[in-house]
PDB file of N, CA and C in Angstrom:
ATOM      1  N   MET A   1      14.471  75.552 167.938  1.00  0.00           N
ATOM      2  CA  MET A   1      14.627  74.208 168.375  1.00  0.00           C
ATOM      3  C   MET A   1      15.709  73.515 167.588  1.00  0.00           C
ATOM      4  N   LYS A   2      16.564  72.772 168.276  1.00  0.00           N
ATOM      5  CA  LYS A   2      17.653  72.074 167.643  1.00  0.00           C
ATOM      6  C   LYS A   2      17.100  70.832 166.928  1.00  0.00           C
ATOM      7  N   SER A   3      17.610  70.577 165.741  1.00  0.00           N
ATOM      8  CA  SER A   3      17.140  69.432 164.947  1.00  0.00           C
ATOM      9  C   SER A   3      17.502  68.114 165.656  1.00  0.00           C
ATOM     10  N   PRO A   4      16.533  67.197 165.741  1.00  0.00           N
ATOM     11  CA  PRO A   4      16.832  65.895 166.405  1.00  0.00           C
ATOM     12  C   PRO A   4      17.753  65.036 165.506  1.00  0.00           C
ATOM     13  N   PHE A   5      17.940  65.414 164.269  1.00  0.00           N
ATOM     14  CA  PHE A   5      18.778  64.634 163.372  1.00  0.00           C
ATOM     15  C   PHE A   5      20.292  64.931 163.493  1.00  0.00           C
ATOM     16  N   ASN A   6      20.653  65.854 164.388  1.00  0.00           N
ATOM     17  CA  ASN A   6      22.068  66.202 164.587  1.00  0.00           C
ATOM     18  C   ASN A   6      22.817  65.090 165.312  1.00  0.00           C
ATOM     19  N   GLN A   7      22.129  64.266 166.083  1.00  0.00           N
ATOM     20  CA  GLN A   7      22.797  63.199 166.807  1.00  0.00           C
ATOM     21  C   GLN A   7      23.148  62.052 165.853  1.00  0.00           C
ATOM     22  N   LYS A   8      24.383  61.638 165.859  1.00  0.00           N
ATOM     23  CA  LYS A   8      24.837  60.536 165.029  1.00  0.00           C
ATOM     24  C   LYS A   8      25.366  59.425 165.908  1.00  0.00           C
ATOM     25  N   PHE A   9      25.075  58.192 165.532  1.00  0.00           N
ATOM     26  CA  PHE A   9      25.534  57.020 166.310  1.00  0.00           C
ATOM     27  C   PHE A   9      26.240  56.077 165.368  1.00  0.00           C
ATOM     28  N   ASP A  10      27.212  55.345 165.927  1.00  0.00           N
ATOM     29  CA  ASP A  10      27.842  54.242 165.254  1.00  0.00           C
ATOM     30  C   ASP A  10      27.053  52.950 165.615  1.00  0.00           C
ATOM     31  N   ILE A  11      27.162  51.927 164.819  1.00  0.00           N
ATOM     32  CA  ILE A  11      26.524  50.632 165.126  1.00  0.00           C
ATOM     33  C   ILE A  11      27.042  50.112 166.433  1.00  0.00           C
ATOM     34  N   ASP A  12      26.158  49.526 167.222  1.00  0.00           N
ATOM     35  CA  ASP A  12      26.453  48.924 168.527  1.00  0.00           C
ATOM     36  C   ASP A  12      26.719  49.902 169.675  1.00  0.00           C
ATOM     37  N   VAL A  13      26.355  51.168 169.489  1.00  0.00           N
ATOM     38  CA  VAL A  13      26.496  52.168 170.527  1.00  0.00           C
ATOM     39  C   VAL A  13      25.256  52.118 171.420  1.00  0.00           C
ATOM     40  N   TYR A  14      25.456  52.076 172.735  1.00  0.00           N
ATOM     41  CA  TYR A  14      24.374  52.077 173.730  1.00  0.00           C
ATOM     42  C   TYR A  14      24.106  53.492 174.160  1.00  0.00           C
ATOM     43  N   PHE A  15      22.879  53.814 174.444  1.00  0.00           N
ATOM     44  CA  PHE A  15      22.460  55.148 174.924  1.00  0.00           C
ATOM     45  C   PHE A  15      21.159  55.014 175.669  1.00  0.00           C
ATOM     46  N   THR A  16      20.702  56.102 176.266  1.00  0.00           N
ATOM     47  CA  THR A  16      19.403  56.138 176.931  1.00  0.00           C
ATOM     48  C   THR A  16      18.559  57.198 176.249  1.00  0.00           C
ATOM     49  N   ILE A  17      17.316  56.853 175.988  1.00  0.00           N
ATOM     50  CA  ILE A  17      16.392  57.756 175.354  1.00  0.00           C
ATOM     51  C   ILE A  17      15.173  57.995 176.226  1.00  0.00           C
ATOM     52  N   ARG A  18      14.702  59.220 176.244  1.00  0.00           N
ATOM     53  CA  ARG A  18      13.548  59.605 177.029  1.00  0.00           C
ATOM     54  C   ARG A  18      12.598  60.406 176.127  1.00  0.00           C
ATOM     55  N   TYR A  19      11.304  60.050 176.204  1.00  0.00           N
ATOM     56  CA  TYR A  19      10.304  60.735 175.372  1.00  0.00           C
ATOM     57  C   TYR A  19       8.918  60.523 175.966  1.00  0.00           C
ATOM     58  N   TYR A  20       7.967  61.384 175.555  1.00  0.00           N
ATOM     59  CA  TYR A  20       6.623  61.249 175.991  1.00  0.00           C
ATOM     60  C   TYR A  20       5.920  60.271 175.027  1.00  0.00           C
ATOM     61  N   ALA A  21       5.350  59.231 175.583  1.00  0.00           N
ATOM     62  CA  ALA A  21       4.631  58.245 174.790  1.00  0.00           C
ATOM     63  C   ALA A  21       3.133  58.489 174.889  1.00  0.00           C
ATOM     64  N   GLU A  22       2.566  59.022 173.836  1.00  0.00           N
ATOM     65  CA  GLU A  22       1.107  59.299 173.825  1.00  0.00           C
ATOM     66  C   GLU A  22       0.317  58.017 174.067  1.00  0.00           C
ATOM     67  N   LYS A  23       0.791  56.926 173.530  1.00  0.00           N
ATOM     68  CA  LYS A  23       0.125  55.639 173.701  1.00  0.00           C
ATOM     69  C   LYS A  23      -0.042  55.267 175.154  1.00  0.00           C
ATOM     70  N   HIS A  24       0.943  55.585 175.961  1.00  0.00           N
ATOM     71  CA  HIS A  24       0.958  55.249 177.363  1.00  0.00           C
ATOM     72  C   HIS A  24       0.565  56.417 178.286  1.00  0.00           C
ATOM     73  N   GLY A  25       0.520  57.621 177.691  1.00  0.00           N
ATOM     74  CA  GLY A  25       0.160  58.784 178.476  1.00  0.00           C
ATOM     75  C   GLY A  25       1.185  59.222 179.506  1.00  0.00           C
ATOM     76  N   LYS A  26       2.454  58.911 179.254  1.00  0.00           N
ATOM     77  CA  LYS A  26       3.511  59.288 180.216  1.00  0.00           C
ATOM     78  C   LYS A  26       4.848  59.349 179.541  1.00  0.00           C
ATOM     79  N   THR A  27       5.815  59.931 180.239  1.00  0.00           N
ATOM     80  CA  THR A  27       7.203  59.983 179.772  1.00  0.00           C
ATOM     81  C   THR A  27       7.864  58.674 180.151  1.00  0.00           C
ATOM     82  N   ILE A  28       8.562  58.109 179.184  1.00  0.00           N
ATOM     83  CA  ILE A  28       9.269  56.847 179.427  1.00  0.00           C
ATOM     84  C   ILE A  28      10.748  57.013 179.116  1.00  0.00           C
ATOM     85  N   THR A  29      11.549  56.234 179.807  1.00  0.00           N
ATOM     86  CA  THR A  29      13.015  56.224 179.585  1.00  0.00           C
ATOM     87  C   THR A  29      13.388  54.787 179.259  1.00  0.00           C
ATOM     88  N   ARG A  30      14.165  54.612 178.216  1.00  0.00           N
ATOM     89  CA  ARG A  30      14.567  53.294 177.777  1.00  0.00           C
ATOM     90  C   ARG A  30      16.099  53.185 177.552  1.00  0.00           C
ATOM     91  N   ARG A  31      16.625  52.025 177.874  1.00  0.00           N
ATOM     92  CA  ARG A  31      18.034  51.718 177.514  1.00  0.00           C
ATOM     93  C   ARG A  31      17.970  51.273 176.043  1.00  0.00           C
ATOM     94  N   ALA A  32      18.829  51.836 175.216  1.00  0.00           N
ATOM     95  CA  ALA A  32      18.724  51.603 173.795  1.00  0.00           C
ATOM     96  C   ALA A  32      20.097  51.277 173.188  1.00  0.00           C
ATOM     97  N   LYS A  33      20.044  50.702 172.005  1.00  0.00           N
ATOM     98  CA  LYS A  33      21.233  50.396 171.260  1.00  0.00           C
ATOM     99  C   LYS A  33      21.015  50.739 169.836  1.00  0.00           C
ATOM    100  N   TRP A  34      22.001  51.329 169.161  1.00  0.00           N
ATOM    101  CA  TRP A  34      21.910  51.710 167.766  1.00  0.00           C
ATOM    102  C   TRP A  34      22.330  50.465 166.921  1.00  0.00           C
ATOM    103  N   THR A  35      21.466  49.980 166.068  1.00  0.00           N
ATOM    104  CA  THR A  35      21.776  48.818 165.242  1.00  0.00           C
ATOM    105  C   THR A  35      21.604  49.201 163.766  1.00  0.00           C
ATOM    106  N   LYS A  36      21.836  48.252 162.894  1.00  0.00           N
ATOM    107  CA  LYS A  36      21.703  48.509 161.454  1.00  0.00           C
ATOM    108  C   LYS A  36      20.263  48.804 161.058  1.00  0.00           C
ATOM    109  N   ASP A  37      19.320  48.421 161.888  1.00  0.00           N
ATOM    110  CA  ASP A  37      17.896  48.639 161.621  1.00  0.00           C
ATOM    111  C   ASP A  37      17.380  49.993 162.148  1.00  0.00           C
ATOM    112  N   CYS A  38      18.207  50.716 162.878  1.00  0.00           N
ATOM    113  CA  CYS A  38      17.782  51.976 163.482  1.00  0.00           C
ATOM    114  C   CYS A  38      17.925  53.126 162.435  1.00  0.00           C
ATOM    115  N   LEU A  39      17.097  54.128 162.619  1.00  0.00           N
ATOM    116  CA  LEU A  39      17.158  55.290 161.715  1.00  0.00           C
ATOM    117  C   LEU A  39      16.379  56.453 162.225  1.00  0.00           C
ATOM    118  N   TYR A  40      16.672  57.608 161.650  1.00  0.00           N
ATOM    119  CA  TYR A  40      15.917  58.828 161.843  1.00  0.00           C
ATOM    120  C   TYR A  40      15.052  58.985 160.588  1.00  0.00           C
ATOM    121  N   GLY A  41      13.896  59.580 160.774  1.00  0.00           N
ATOM    122  CA  GLY A  41      13.036  59.847 159.593  1.00  0.00           C
ATOM    123  C   GLY A  41      12.062  60.964 159.855  1.00  0.00           C
ATOM    124  N   THR A  42      11.281  61.260 158.848  1.00  0.00           N
ATOM    125  CA  THR A  42      10.224  62.233 158.937  1.00  0.00           C
ATOM    126  C   THR A  42       8.945  61.544 158.471  1.00  0.00           C
ATOM    127  N   HIS A  43       7.902  61.646 159.292  1.00  0.00           N
ATOM    128  CA  HIS A  43       6.616  61.026 158.949  1.00  0.00           C
ATOM    129  C   HIS A  43       6.129  61.575 157.606  1.00  0.00           C
ATOM    130  N   LYS A  44       5.763  60.694 156.682  1.00  0.00           N
ATOM    131  CA  LYS A  44       5.395  61.118 155.315  1.00  0.00           C
ATOM    132  C   LYS A  44       4.110  61.895 155.259  1.00  0.00           C
ATOM    133  N   VAL A  45       3.182  61.631 156.130  1.00  0.00           N
ATOM    134  CA  VAL A  45       1.880  62.354 156.094  1.00  0.00           C
ATOM    135  C   VAL A  45       1.864  63.573 157.022  1.00  0.00           C
ATOM    136  N   HIS A  46       2.304  63.365 158.262  1.00  0.00           N
ATOM    137  CA  HIS A  46       2.208  64.430 159.292  1.00  0.00           C
ATOM    138  C   HIS A  46       3.472  65.269 159.438  1.00  0.00           C
ATOM    139  N   ASN A  47       4.526  64.853 158.792  1.00  0.00           N
ATOM    140  CA  ASN A  47       5.761  65.669 158.712  1.00  0.00           C
ATOM    141  C   ASN A  47       6.454  65.885 160.072  1.00  0.00           C
ATOM    142  N   TYR A  48       6.324  65.023 161.029  1.00  0.00           N
ATOM    143  CA  TYR A  48       7.060  65.176 162.269  1.00  0.00           C
ATOM    144  C   TYR A  48       8.219  64.180 162.294  1.00  0.00           C
ATOM    145  N   PRO A  49       9.270  64.489 163.056  1.00  0.00           N
ATOM    146  CA  PRO A  49      10.441  63.595 163.085  1.00  0.00           C
ATOM    147  C   PRO A  49      10.195  62.365 163.980  1.00  0.00           C
ATOM    148  N   TYR A  50      10.934  61.322 163.680  1.00  0.00           N
ATOM    149  CA  TYR A  50      10.886  60.121 164.495  1.00  0.00           C
ATOM    150  C   TYR A  50      12.255  59.426 164.500  1.00  0.00           C
ATOM    151  N   ILE A  51      12.439  58.589 165.504  1.00  0.00           N
ATOM    152  CA  ILE A  51      13.673  57.766 165.599  1.00  0.00           C
ATOM    153  C   ILE A  51      13.243  56.347 165.889  1.00  0.00           C
ATOM    154  N   LYS A  52      13.808  55.404 165.100  1.00  0.00           N
ATOM    155  CA  LYS A  52      13.622  53.984 165.386  1.00  0.00           C
ATOM    156  C   LYS A  52      14.874  53.542 166.115  1.00  0.00           C
ATOM    157  N   TYR A  53      14.735  52.875 167.247  1.00  0.00           N
ATOM    158  CA  TYR A  53      15.872  52.443 168.022  1.00  0.00           C
ATOM    159  C   TYR A  53      15.589  51.036 168.550  1.00  0.00           C
ATOM    160  N   PHE A  54      16.648  50.339 168.949  1.00  0.00           N
ATOM    161  CA  PHE A  54      16.521  48.985 169.558  1.00  0.00           C
ATOM    162  C   PHE A  54      16.397  49.143 171.048  1.00  0.00           C
ATOM    163  N   ASP A  55      15.291  48.702 171.602  1.00  0.00           N
ATOM    164  CA  ASP A  55      15.010  48.737 173.052  1.00  0.00           C
ATOM    165  C   ASP A  55      15.709  47.535 173.668  1.00  0.00           C
ATOM    166  N   VAL A  56      16.724  47.748 174.459  1.00  0.00           N
ATOM    167  CA  VAL A  56      17.517  46.699 175.063  1.00  0.00           C
ATOM    168  C   VAL A  56      16.677  45.814 175.974  1.00  0.00           C
ATOM    169  N   ASP A  57      15.862  46.436 176.806  1.00  0.00           N
ATOM    170  CA  ASP A  57      15.063  45.678 177.794  1.00  0.00           C
ATOM    171  C   ASP A  57      13.931  44.899 177.130  1.00  0.00           C
ATOM    172  N   ALA A  58      13.279  45.471 176.146  1.00  0.00           N
ATOM    173  CA  ALA A  58      12.175  44.797 175.482  1.00  0.00           C
ATOM    174  C   ALA A  58      12.623  43.892 174.351  1.00  0.00           C
ATOM    175  N   ASP A  59      13.912  43.989 173.998  1.00  0.00           N
ATOM    176  CA  ASP A  59      14.535  43.154 172.972  1.00  0.00           C
ATOM    177  C   ASP A  59      13.820  43.340 171.591  1.00  0.00           C
ATOM    178  N   GLY A  60      13.625  44.587 171.238  1.00  0.00           N
ATOM    179  CA  GLY A  60      12.967  44.827 169.943  1.00  0.00           C
ATOM    180  C   GLY A  60      13.092  46.297 169.516  1.00  0.00           C
ATOM    181  N   ILE A  61      12.713  46.557 168.259  1.00  0.00           N
ATOM    182  CA  ILE A  61      12.726  47.891 167.735  1.00  0.00           C
ATOM    183  C   ILE A  61      11.527  48.679 168.233  1.00  0.00           C
ATOM    184  N   ARG A  62      11.756  49.892 168.635  1.00  0.00           N
ATOM    185  CA  ARG A  62      10.699  50.796 169.073  1.00  0.00           C
ATOM    186  C   ARG A  62      10.875  52.148 168.345  1.00  0.00           C
ATOM    187  N   CYS A  63       9.851  52.978 168.452  1.00  0.00           N
ATOM    188  CA  CYS A  63       9.868  54.258 167.759  1.00  0.00           C
ATOM    189  C   CYS A  63       9.450  55.372 168.710  1.00  0.00           C
ATOM    190  N   ALA A  64      10.214  56.454 168.675  1.00  0.00           N
ATOM    191  CA  ALA A  64       9.867  57.673 169.417  1.00  0.00           C
ATOM    192  C   ALA A  64       9.599  58.738 168.366  1.00  0.00           C
ATOM    193  N   SER A  65       8.524  59.505 168.545  1.00  0.00           N
ATOM    194  CA  SER A  65       8.223  60.500 167.517  1.00  0.00           C
ATOM    195  C   SER A  65       7.993  61.890 168.126  1.00  0.00           C
ATOM    196  N   LYS A  66       8.104  62.874 167.275  1.00  0.00           N
ATOM    197  CA  LYS A  66       7.959  64.302 167.575  1.00  0.00           C
ATOM    198  C   LYS A  66       9.118  64.860 168.386  1.00  0.00           C
ATOM    199  N   THR A  67       9.280  64.503 169.636  1.00  0.00           N
ATOM    200  CA  THR A  67      10.431  64.993 170.395  1.00  0.00           C
ATOM    201  C   THR A  67      10.975  63.844 171.299  1.00  0.00           C
ATOM    202  N   TRP A  68      12.216  63.868 171.542  1.00  0.00           N
ATOM    203  CA  TRP A  68      12.885  62.903 172.427  1.00  0.00           C
ATOM    204  C   TRP A  68      14.177  63.541 172.938  1.00  0.00           C
ATOM    205  N   GLU A  69      14.753  62.901 173.913  1.00  0.00           N
ATOM    206  CA  GLU A  69      15.984  63.357 174.516  1.00  0.00           C
ATOM    207  C   GLU A  69      16.946  62.195 174.638  1.00  0.00           C
ATOM    208  N   ILE A  70      18.165  62.383 174.156  1.00  0.00           N
ATOM    209  CA  ILE A  70      19.199  61.370 174.310  1.00  0.00           C
ATOM    210  C   ILE A  70      20.026  61.740 175.548  1.00  0.00           C
ATOM    211  N   LEU A  71      20.041  60.840 176.514  1.00  0.00           N
ATOM    212  CA  LEU A  71      20.732  61.084 177.788  1.00  0.00           C
ATOM    213  C   LEU A  71      22.120  60.440 177.768  1.00  0.00           C
ATOM    214  N   THR A  72      23.073  61.071 178.437  1.00  0.00           N
ATOM    215  CA  THR A  72      24.416  60.537 178.465  1.00  0.00           C
ATOM    216  C   THR A  72      24.727  59.983 179.844  1.00  0.00           C
TER     217      THR A  72
END
């Protein structure tokens, strides 16, 4: 599996992200923007990857964890 941390963004870059949201029980696709508050990380307890991104439509920071896809 390719590391999700290989993707690099500059500030103010727009992209689309798709991932399965366990909370909602379905795959969701969001228009996103990379801001100074966005980051990649690894969960400290469960050790899975996550990405914090700015959701353009919801006007706020959201998090995708475990697996996601960046669409072009």
